[in-house]
């Protein structure tokens, strides 16, 4: 009946009396006076509901819709096509109200959805076990790093390729700083691949794992098999941070000997959502299943012989072990996981392959067209998937501002990551030849 419940003076006095104090100031008496804000906050006065709706509507109109801007942004979040069936199914109340199966015996539907998701992820990655999902890709990456440290006694170091997303690296460093763990970065070759010769120089008794991203942050396709072989020869774990769409055409990491696969599932039917929520993917070998963070749903039978789903494993020890816990994950992204499941089932093997092929071929077309203008130089010579990095010869900030005014989100300026003049451009199956040609024409005019 009410969008909000206002509190008048009389009601405030009644509440204060009930808790045994006489004023709002007394409510905050435990806070030192020098830390309390004096006076009134500089915020507008109250509005009527009609005025408030009018104001928020005008604010919302300042946002530009995806129909107004052609999106070439990437760097971990991609403008892939989302089939309409996804919104239709997840709008069912039994799905969008479900959270996490704390009482598994009454959550058969939720457990089945998780089980199906796990099955799809293992098929996609070529691994044997998947957990029920994690919070996002960077969260999955740090849990994989911690898992490797726990698996190898007296280890205190992880190797991470400089091709891994810089923000993922920062998350890992933040977590591991308080575990007294070293993070050593492995440089890239001129091709843009992880330099395994340099990785060999960084090896030592305390190294637990090596992590690469494929395709990496700069769009280059890594030699995952070589990384897995390197890890095996040095008796450490290999971790591959994947773009799940790329697995429509690239060899599954599990088939190449990788120990742990992680990644972000945003591209599997989840919208851009202003940066979240998304879901983290994590899959591994069956031999390591008891080390997996989060939870794993299994298939069993009830007393009558009917199919029944159970929470086979769930890591809840963080509540009592704190710092010494193997994981801090106690939940999963059920709704986003469901979206990924619907997407993969809707697209099927051929559909996913088509998305990957179109993304790769269109990215190659745009990359060549931009290089042909003579306004850009290639940063790395390696083969790329749906993203690529170019160095612009002019004022990149001015170019991107001009492109936005002409209706294009031109790409991610990598100056924020210490790479002045470099532009990361992503192309998905949604981009048309006409849009890409118009983008190139706009670059010519603005340069």
Protein backbone atom coordinates (compact mmCIF):
# COMPACT_ATOMS: atom_id res chain seq x y z
CA UNK A 1 0.00 0.00 0.00
CA UNK A 2 2.87 2.43 0.73
CA UNK A 3 6.11 3.02 -1.14
CA UNK A 4 7.63 4.30 2.10
CA UNK A 5 6.46 4.89 5.67
CA UNK A 6 7.13 8.44 6.94
CA UNK A 7 7.95 9.11 10.57
CA UNK A 8 6.34 12.18 12.13
CA UNK A 9 7.46 13.84 15.35
CA UNK A 10 4.96 12.06 17.57
CA UNK A 11 5.95 8.64 16.22
CA UNK A 12 9.65 9.40 16.75
CA UNK A 13 8.97 10.45 20.35
CA UNK A 14 7.05 7.22 20.94
CA UNK A 15 9.91 5.09 19.57
CA UNK A 16 12.51 6.95 21.64
CA UNK A 17 10.40 6.48 24.78
CA UNK A 18 10.08 2.73 24.08
CA UNK A 19 13.88 2.29 24.04
CA UNK A 20 14.35 4.48 27.12
CA UNK A 21 15.95 7.63 25.75
CA UNK A 22 14.71 11.18 25.33
CA UNK A 23 16.32 12.39 22.07
CA UNK A 24 18.03 11.36 18.85
CA UNK A 25 21.26 12.92 20.14
CA UNK A 26 21.14 10.54 23.09
CA UNK A 27 20.83 7.63 20.67
CA UNK A 28 24.32 8.41 19.35
CA UNK A 29 25.95 9.33 22.67
CA UNK A 30 28.52 6.52 22.37
CA UNK A 31 30.05 8.22 19.35
CA UNK A 32 32.72 10.78 20.42
CA UNK A 33 31.62 14.39 19.94
CA UNK A 34 34.57 15.20 17.66
CA UNK A 35 33.45 12.46 15.26
CA UNK A 36 29.81 13.54 15.08
CA UNK A 37 28.61 15.65 12.18
CA UNK A 38 27.39 19.07 13.28
CA UNK A 39 24.48 20.84 11.64
CA UNK A 40 22.31 19.56 8.81
CA UNK A 41 23.34 17.62 5.75
CA UNK A 42 23.26 19.62 2.52
CA UNK A 43 20.49 17.60 0.88
CA UNK A 44 17.26 18.77 -0.77
CA UNK A 45 14.07 18.92 1.21
CA UNK A 46 11.34 16.32 1.03
CA UNK A 47 9.31 15.92 -2.17
CA UNK A 48 5.82 14.66 -2.69
CA UNK A 49 5.52 11.26 -4.35
CA UNK A 50 4.40 12.86 -7.61
CA UNK A 51 7.33 15.32 -7.57
CA UNK A 52 9.77 12.55 -6.71
CA UNK A 53 8.64 10.34 -9.59
CA UNK A 54 8.94 13.25 -12.01
CA UNK A 55 12.46 14.05 -10.80
CA UNK A 56 13.72 10.44 -10.96
CA UNK A 57 12.20 9.98 -14.42
CA UNK A 58 14.15 13.00 -15.70
CA UNK A 59 17.32 11.65 -14.13
CA UNK A 60 16.76 8.27 -15.78
CA UNK A 61 16.39 9.97 -19.16
CA UNK A 62 20.01 11.15 -18.88
CA UNK A 63 21.13 7.54 -19.40
CA UNK A 64 21.79 6.56 -22.99
CA UNK A 65 20.28 3.24 -23.99
CA UNK A 66 22.04 0.50 -25.94
CA UNK A 67 19.94 1.55 -28.92
CA UNK A 68 21.59 4.97 -28.87
CA UNK A 69 25.22 3.85 -28.56
CA UNK A 70 27.06 1.16 -30.52
CA UNK A 71 29.13 -0.69 -27.92
CA UNK A 72 32.74 -1.69 -28.54
CA UNK A 73 33.61 -1.88 -24.85
CA UNK A 74 34.89 -5.13 -23.35
CA UNK A 75 37.60 -5.79 -20.76
CA UNK A 76 35.56 -8.48 -19.03
CA UNK A 77 31.98 -7.33 -19.67
CA UNK A 78 30.53 -7.93 -23.13
CA UNK A 79 27.51 -6.83 -25.11
CA UNK A 80 26.39 -10.26 -26.33
CA UNK A 81 22.87 -11.02 -27.50
CA UNK A 82 20.54 -12.20 -24.75
CA UNK A 83 17.69 -14.44 -26.00
CA UNK A 84 14.24 -13.27 -24.87
CA UNK A 85 13.45 -16.69 -23.44
CA UNK A 86 15.89 -16.00 -20.59
CA UNK A 87 13.91 -13.11 -19.11
CA UNK A 88 10.69 -15.08 -19.58
CA UNK A 89 11.93 -18.09 -17.60
CA UNK A 90 13.79 -16.28 -14.80
CA UNK A 91 10.76 -14.05 -14.24
CA UNK A 92 8.89 -17.05 -12.85
CA UNK A 93 8.53 -16.48 -9.11
CA UNK A 94 9.96 -19.85 -8.11
CA UNK A 95 13.24 -18.78 -9.74
CA UNK A 96 13.71 -15.13 -8.95
CA UNK A 97 12.77 -15.57 -5.30
CA UNK A 98 15.05 -18.55 -4.71
CA UNK A 99 18.30 -17.79 -2.94
CA UNK A 100 20.52 -20.53 -1.66
CA UNK A 101 19.57 -24.06 -0.52
CA UNK A 102 20.33 -23.98 3.19
CA UNK A 103 17.53 -26.53 3.69
CA UNK A 104 18.34 -28.81 0.81
CA UNK A 105 15.57 -31.29 1.48
CA UNK A 106 12.93 -28.67 0.58
CA UNK A 107 14.90 -27.11 -2.30
CA UNK A 108 14.74 -29.83 -4.94
CA UNK A 109 14.00 -27.41 -7.77
CA UNK A 110 16.87 -25.11 -6.87
CA UNK A 111 19.22 -28.05 -6.42
CA UNK A 112 18.27 -29.50 -9.79
CA UNK A 113 18.92 -26.17 -11.50
CA UNK A 114 22.36 -26.03 -9.87
CA UNK A 115 23.10 -29.64 -10.83
CA UNK A 116 22.22 -28.92 -14.47
CA UNK A 117 24.44 -25.82 -14.42
CA UNK A 118 27.34 -27.84 -13.02
CA UNK A 119 26.87 -30.45 -15.76
CA UNK A 120 26.91 -27.77 -18.47
CA UNK A 121 30.08 -26.14 -17.12
CA UNK A 122 31.94 -29.44 -16.99
CA UNK A 123 30.96 -30.14 -20.60
CA UNK A 124 32.02 -26.64 -21.65
CA UNK A 125 35.39 -26.66 -19.88
CA UNK A 126 36.30 -30.32 -20.28
CA UNK A 127 36.71 -30.64 -16.51
CA UNK A 128 35.21 -33.27 -14.20
CA UNK A 129 33.67 -31.21 -11.39
CA UNK A 130 32.08 -27.77 -11.18
CA UNK A 131 30.85 -25.98 -8.08
CA UNK A 132 27.49 -24.21 -7.85
CA UNK A 133 29.02 -20.90 -9.02
CA UNK A 134 30.86 -18.10 -7.29
CA UNK A 135 30.35 -14.36 -6.87
CA UNK A 136 32.22 -13.25 -10.02
CA UNK A 137 35.31 -14.03 -12.07
CA UNK A 138 37.84 -12.30 -9.83
CA UNK A 139 36.37 -14.06 -6.80
CA UNK A 140 36.76 -17.42 -8.57
CA UNK A 141 40.35 -16.52 -9.49
CA UNK A 142 41.42 -15.75 -5.93
CA UNK A 143 39.73 -18.91 -4.63
CA UNK A 144 41.69 -20.93 -7.21
CA UNK A 145 44.93 -19.29 -6.11
CA UNK A 146 44.18 -20.04 -2.44
CA UNK A 147 43.25 -23.61 -3.35
CA UNK A 148 46.66 -24.09 -4.99
CA UNK A 149 48.42 -22.68 -1.92
CA UNK A 150 46.51 -25.04 0.36
CA UNK A 151 47.29 -27.99 -1.90
CA UNK A 152 51.06 -27.53 -1.77
CA UNK A 153 52.61 -27.50 1.68
CA UNK A 154 55.01 -24.66 2.54
CA UNK A 155 54.08 -22.74 -0.60
CA UNK A 156 54.04 -18.94 -0.41
CA UNK A 157 54.05 -17.79 -4.02
CA UNK A 158 51.75 -17.77 -7.05
CA UNK A 159 52.74 -16.86 -10.60
CA UNK A 160 50.25 -14.77 -12.56
CA UNK A 161 50.55 -13.82 -16.19
CA UNK A 162 50.52 -10.12 -17.01
CA UNK A 163 47.86 -11.10 -19.51
CA UNK A 164 45.35 -11.64 -16.69
CA UNK A 165 42.88 -8.76 -16.22
CA UNK A 166 44.67 -6.06 -14.14
CA UNK A 167 41.66 -5.75 -11.81
CA UNK A 168 41.65 -9.51 -11.19
CA UNK A 169 45.35 -9.28 -10.35
CA UNK A 170 44.62 -6.48 -7.89
CA UNK A 171 41.91 -8.55 -6.18
CA UNK A 172 44.31 -11.48 -5.85
CA UNK A 173 47.05 -9.24 -4.44
CA UNK A 174 44.62 -7.75 -1.93
CA UNK A 175 43.51 -11.13 -0.62
CA UNK A 176 46.95 -12.71 -0.58
CA UNK A 177 48.62 -9.73 1.09
CA UNK A 178 47.06 -10.80 4.37
CA UNK A 179 48.16 -14.40 3.87
CA UNK A 180 51.81 -13.35 3.56
CA UNK A 181 51.84 -14.70 0.01
CA UNK A 182 53.94 -13.42 -2.88
CA UNK A 183 52.38 -12.64 -6.26
CA UNK A 184 54.94 -12.73 -9.07
CA UNK A 185 53.91 -11.43 -12.48
CA UNK A 186 55.05 -13.26 -15.61
CA UNK A 187 55.74 -10.90 -18.57
CA UNK A 188 54.31 -11.31 -22.06
CA UNK A 189 56.18 -12.02 -25.27
CA UNK A 190 56.05 -9.80 -28.36
CA UNK A 191 53.11 -11.95 -29.47
CA UNK A 192 51.26 -11.08 -26.29
CA UNK A 193 51.45 -14.59 -24.82
CA UNK A 194 52.71 -15.56 -21.38
CA UNK A 195 56.51 -15.87 -21.51
CA UNK A 196 57.15 -19.33 -20.05
CA UNK A 197 60.92 -18.84 -20.25
CA UNK A 198 60.52 -15.89 -17.86
CA UNK A 199 58.16 -17.98 -15.74
CA UNK A 200 60.89 -20.61 -15.40
CA UNK A 201 63.22 -17.92 -14.00
CA UNK A 202 60.62 -17.09 -11.33
CA UNK A 203 60.20 -20.69 -10.20
CA UNK A 204 61.21 -21.83 -6.73
CA UNK A 205 60.25 -24.32 -4.03
CA UNK A 206 57.50 -22.05 -2.70
CA UNK A 207 55.57 -21.62 -5.96
CA UNK A 208 52.10 -23.18 -5.86
CA UNK A 209 50.58 -22.36 -9.25
CA UNK A 210 50.63 -20.40 -12.48
CA UNK A 211 47.54 -18.55 -13.71
CA UNK A 212 46.86 -17.39 -17.25
CA UNK A 213 43.83 -15.88 -18.93
CA UNK A 214 42.68 -17.20 -22.29
CA UNK A 215 42.03 -15.23 -24.39
CA UNK A 216 44.00 -12.84 -22.26
CA UNK A 217 43.12 -9.28 -21.24
CA UNK A 218 44.65 -7.88 -24.43
CA UNK A 219 42.66 -10.31 -26.58
CA UNK A 220 45.53 -12.65 -27.46
CA UNK A 221 44.93 -16.41 -27.50
CA UNK A 222 47.35 -18.17 -25.11
CA UNK A 223 49.04 -21.55 -25.60
CA UNK A 224 47.13 -23.20 -22.74
CA UNK A 225 48.55 -26.64 -23.41
CA UNK A 226 52.10 -25.32 -23.05
CA UNK A 227 51.18 -23.62 -19.77
CA UNK A 228 49.68 -26.87 -18.44
CA UNK A 229 52.81 -28.79 -19.45
CA UNK A 230 55.00 -26.17 -17.77
CA UNK A 231 52.98 -26.54 -14.56
CA UNK A 232 53.22 -30.33 -14.60
CA UNK A 233 56.96 -30.32 -15.19
CA UNK A 234 57.40 -27.99 -12.22
CA UNK A 235 54.88 -29.87 -10.04
CA UNK A 236 52.61 -26.86 -9.58
CA UNK A 237 48.93 -26.28 -10.44
CA UNK A 238 47.80 -24.63 -13.68
CA UNK A 239 44.84 -22.22 -13.54
CA UNK A 240 43.10 -20.99 -16.68
CA UNK A 241 40.81 -17.93 -16.49
CA UNK A 242 38.51 -18.35 -19.49
CA UNK A 243 36.00 -16.43 -21.54
CA UNK A 244 33.26 -19.10 -21.76
CA UNK A 245 32.13 -17.87 -25.18
CA UNK A 246 35.58 -18.62 -26.61
CA UNK A 247 35.09 -22.30 -25.73
CA UNK A 248 32.61 -22.46 -28.60
CA UNK A 249 35.65 -22.71 -30.90
CA UNK A 250 38.76 -23.05 -28.73
CA UNK A 251 39.88 -26.38 -27.27
CA UNK A 252 38.47 -26.99 -23.80
CA UNK A 253 41.16 -26.34 -21.15
CA UNK A 254 40.40 -29.66 -19.47
CA UNK A 255 41.46 -31.44 -22.66
CA UNK A 256 44.78 -29.58 -22.53
CA UNK A 257 45.72 -30.72 -19.04
CA UNK A 258 44.71 -27.66 -17.00
CA UNK A 259 44.10 -28.31 -13.28
CA UNK A 260 41.57 -25.56 -12.48
CA UNK A 261 39.33 -23.50 -14.75
CA UNK A 262 37.81 -20.23 -13.59
CA UNK A 263 36.14 -17.31 -15.30
CA UNK A 264 33.25 -14.88 -15.35
CA UNK A 265 29.89 -16.06 -16.67
CA UNK A 266 28.53 -12.61 -17.55
CA UNK A 267 28.69 -13.34 -21.27
CA UNK A 268 26.45 -16.42 -20.84
CA UNK A 269 23.15 -14.58 -21.17
CA UNK A 270 23.64 -12.09 -18.34
CA UNK A 271 23.10 -8.47 -19.32
CA UNK A 272 25.61 -5.68 -18.72
CA UNK A 273 23.63 -4.72 -15.58
CA UNK A 274 25.72 -1.60 -14.88
CA UNK A 275 28.58 -3.84 -13.75
CA UNK A 276 26.79 -6.67 -11.94
CA UNK A 277 25.68 -8.94 -10.54
CA UNK A 278 27.41 -11.68 -12.53
CA UNK A 279 28.65 -15.14 -11.61
CA UNK A 280 32.01 -16.80 -11.19
CA UNK A 281 32.78 -20.12 -12.87
CA UNK A 282 34.99 -22.73 -11.24
CA UNK A 283 35.71 -26.29 -12.38
CA UNK A 284 38.46 -28.79 -11.61
CA UNK A 285 39.56 -32.43 -11.55
CA UNK A 286 37.57 -34.93 -9.50
CA UNK A 287 40.63 -35.78 -7.42
CA UNK A 288 40.57 -32.24 -6.00
CA UNK A 289 36.81 -32.09 -5.37
CA UNK A 290 37.17 -31.96 -1.58
CA UNK A 291 39.26 -28.83 -1.92
CA UNK A 292 36.68 -26.99 -4.02
CA UNK A 293 35.25 -23.84 -2.39
CA UNK A 294 31.54 -23.13 -2.14
CA UNK A 295 29.22 -26.05 -2.69
CA UNK A 296 28.63 -28.95 -5.05
CA UNK A 297 25.20 -30.46 -5.76
CA UNK A 298 25.02 -34.18 -6.43
CA UNK A 299 22.43 -36.62 -7.76
CA UNK A 300 21.23 -39.47 -5.55
CA UNK A 301 18.06 -41.50 -4.80
CA UNK A 302 15.58 -41.18 -1.97
CA UNK A 303 14.25 -44.04 0.17
CA UNK A 304 11.67 -44.84 -2.50
CA UNK A 305 14.25 -45.03 -5.27
CA UNK A 306 13.26 -41.71 -6.85
CA UNK A 307 15.84 -39.31 -8.22
CA UNK A 308 16.87 -36.79 -5.54
CA UNK A 309 19.33 -33.91 -5.47
CA UNK A 310 21.56 -33.25 -2.48
CA UNK A 311 24.18 -30.80 -1.33
CA UNK A 312 27.02 -33.28 -1.61
CA UNK A 313 29.69 -30.86 -0.42
CA UNK A 314 29.48 -27.42 1.14
CA UNK A 315 32.31 -25.37 2.60
CA UNK A 316 31.00 -23.65 5.71
CA UNK A 317 34.09 -23.83 7.87
CA UNK A 318 34.89 -20.13 7.40
CA UNK A 319 32.43 -19.37 10.20
CA UNK A 320 34.64 -21.06 12.76
CA UNK A 321 38.14 -21.16 11.27
CA UNK A 322 38.21 -17.56 9.99
CA UNK A 323 41.75 -16.82 8.75
CA UNK A 324 42.65 -20.51 8.51
CA UNK A 325 39.55 -21.41 6.49
CA UNK A 326 40.14 -22.95 3.07
CA UNK A 327 37.48 -20.63 1.61
CA UNK A 328 35.35 -17.61 2.45
CA UNK A 329 32.55 -18.66 0.10
CA UNK A 330 29.30 -19.74 1.69
CA UNK A 331 26.80 -19.04 -1.09
CA UNK A 332 26.38 -19.01 -4.87
CA UNK A 333 24.81 -16.85 -7.59
CA UNK A 334 21.65 -18.90 -8.12
CA UNK A 335 19.76 -16.55 -10.44
CA UNK A 336 22.77 -15.64 -12.59
CA UNK A 337 23.72 -19.32 -12.68
CA UNK A 338 20.22 -20.10 -13.92
CA UNK A 339 20.60 -17.47 -16.65
CA UNK A 340 23.84 -19.14 -17.79
CA UNK A 341 22.13 -22.54 -17.85
CA UNK A 342 19.20 -21.29 -19.91
CA UNK A 343 21.59 -19.54 -22.30
CA UNK A 344 23.73 -22.63 -22.87
CA UNK A 345 20.69 -24.86 -23.35
CA UNK A 346 19.06 -22.36 -25.69
CA UNK A 347 22.16 -21.84 -27.83
CA UNK A 348 23.34 -25.45 -27.83
CA UNK A 349 26.74 -26.48 -29.18
CA UNK A 350 26.14 -25.09 -32.65
CA UNK A 351 24.65 -21.85 -31.39
CA UNK A 352 27.55 -21.21 -29.03
CA UNK A 353 29.99 -21.99 -31.81
CA UNK A 354 28.19 -19.52 -34.09
CA UNK A 355 28.41 -16.78 -31.47
CA UNK A 356 32.14 -17.44 -31.09
CA UNK A 357 32.79 -17.59 -34.84
CA UNK A 358 30.90 -14.38 -35.52
CA UNK A 359 32.64 -12.56 -32.67
CA UNK A 360 36.08 -13.68 -33.85
CA UNK A 361 35.51 -12.97 -37.55
CA UNK A 362 33.94 -9.57 -36.94
CA UNK A 363 36.75 -8.59 -34.55
CA UNK A 364 39.30 -9.56 -37.22
CA UNK A 365 37.43 -7.46 -39.81
CA UNK A 366 37.39 -4.35 -37.61
CA UNK A 367 41.00 -4.78 -36.52
CA UNK A 368 42.20 -4.89 -40.13
CA UNK A 369 40.02 -1.92 -41.10
CA UNK A 370 41.42 0.21 -38.28
CA UNK A 371 45.02 -0.75 -39.06
CA UNK A 372 44.40 0.10 -42.73
CA UNK A 373 43.61 3.70 -41.74
CA UNK A 374 47.26 4.15 -40.75
CA UNK A 375 46.12 5.73 -37.48
CA UNK A 376 46.89 2.71 -35.32
CA UNK A 377 49.69 0.27 -34.63
CA UNK A 378 49.42 -3.30 -33.39
CA UNK A 379 50.54 -3.76 -29.78
CA UNK A 380 50.85 -7.56 -29.92
CA UNK A 381 51.26 -9.78 -32.98
CA UNK A 382 49.53 -12.89 -31.59
CA UNK A 383 46.20 -14.22 -32.82
CA UNK A 384 43.18 -12.72 -31.10
CA UNK A 385 39.60 -13.77 -30.40
CA UNK A 386 36.93 -11.06 -29.96
CA UNK A 387 39.15 -8.34 -28.48
CA UNK A 388 42.33 -6.68 -29.66
CA UNK A 389 44.64 -3.92 -28.46
CA UNK A 390 45.85 -1.12 -30.73
CA UNK A 391 48.08 1.91 -30.10
CA UNK A 392 46.51 5.14 -31.39
CA UNK A 393 48.87 7.71 -32.91
CA UNK A 394 46.81 10.73 -31.85
CA UNK A 395 44.97 12.01 -28.78
CA UNK A 396 43.06 8.95 -27.58
CA UNK A 397 40.91 10.82 -25.04
CA UNK A 398 39.75 13.26 -27.71
CA UNK A 399 39.03 10.39 -30.12
CA UNK A 400 36.88 8.49 -27.63
CA UNK A 401 34.99 11.63 -26.65
CA UNK A 402 34.29 12.39 -30.29
CA UNK A 403 33.20 8.82 -30.97
CA UNK A 404 30.73 8.95 -28.09
CA UNK A 405 29.23 12.12 -29.47
CA UNK A 406 28.75 10.28 -32.75
CA UNK A 407 27.06 7.34 -31.04
CA UNK A 408 29.93 4.93 -30.37
CA UNK A 409 31.45 3.54 -27.18
CA UNK A 410 34.81 3.26 -28.87
CA UNK A 411 36.67 0.95 -26.52
CA UNK A 412 38.54 0.93 -23.22
CA UNK A 413 41.36 3.43 -22.81
CA UNK A 414 44.17 1.42 -21.20
CA UNK A 415 45.87 4.50 -19.78
CA UNK A 416 44.14 3.67 -16.49
CA UNK A 417 46.31 0.53 -16.45
CA UNK A 418 49.52 2.42 -17.26
CA UNK A 419 49.36 1.96 -21.04
CA UNK A 420 49.05 5.43 -22.50
CA UNK A 421 47.64 5.61 -26.01
CA UNK A 422 46.50 1.98 -26.08
CA UNK A 423 42.90 1.09 -26.88
CA UNK A 424 41.19 -2.24 -26.12
CA UNK A 425 38.32 -2.91 -28.53
CA UNK A 426 35.74 -5.70 -28.23
CA UNK A 427 33.47 -6.98 -30.99
CA UNK A 428 30.59 -9.38 -30.36
CA UNK A 429 28.13 -11.12 -32.67
CA UNK A 430 25.75 -8.15 -32.23
CA UNK A 431 27.93 -5.76 -34.21
CA UNK A 432 27.00 -5.42 -37.89
CA UNK A 433 29.25 -4.62 -40.83
CA UNK A 434 27.43 -1.30 -41.24
CA UNK A 435 28.15 -0.38 -37.61
CA UNK A 436 31.81 -1.31 -37.91
CA UNK A 437 32.23 0.59 -41.18
CA UNK A 438 30.55 3.63 -39.62
CA UNK A 439 32.90 3.34 -36.63
CA UNK A 440 35.97 3.33 -38.89
CA UNK A 441 34.61 6.31 -40.89
CA UNK A 442 34.07 8.22 -37.65
CA UNK A 443 37.65 7.47 -36.55
CA UNK A 444 38.94 8.87 -39.86
CA UNK A 445 36.91 12.07 -39.51
CA UNK A 446 37.91 12.64 -35.91
CA UNK A 447 41.65 11.99 -36.39
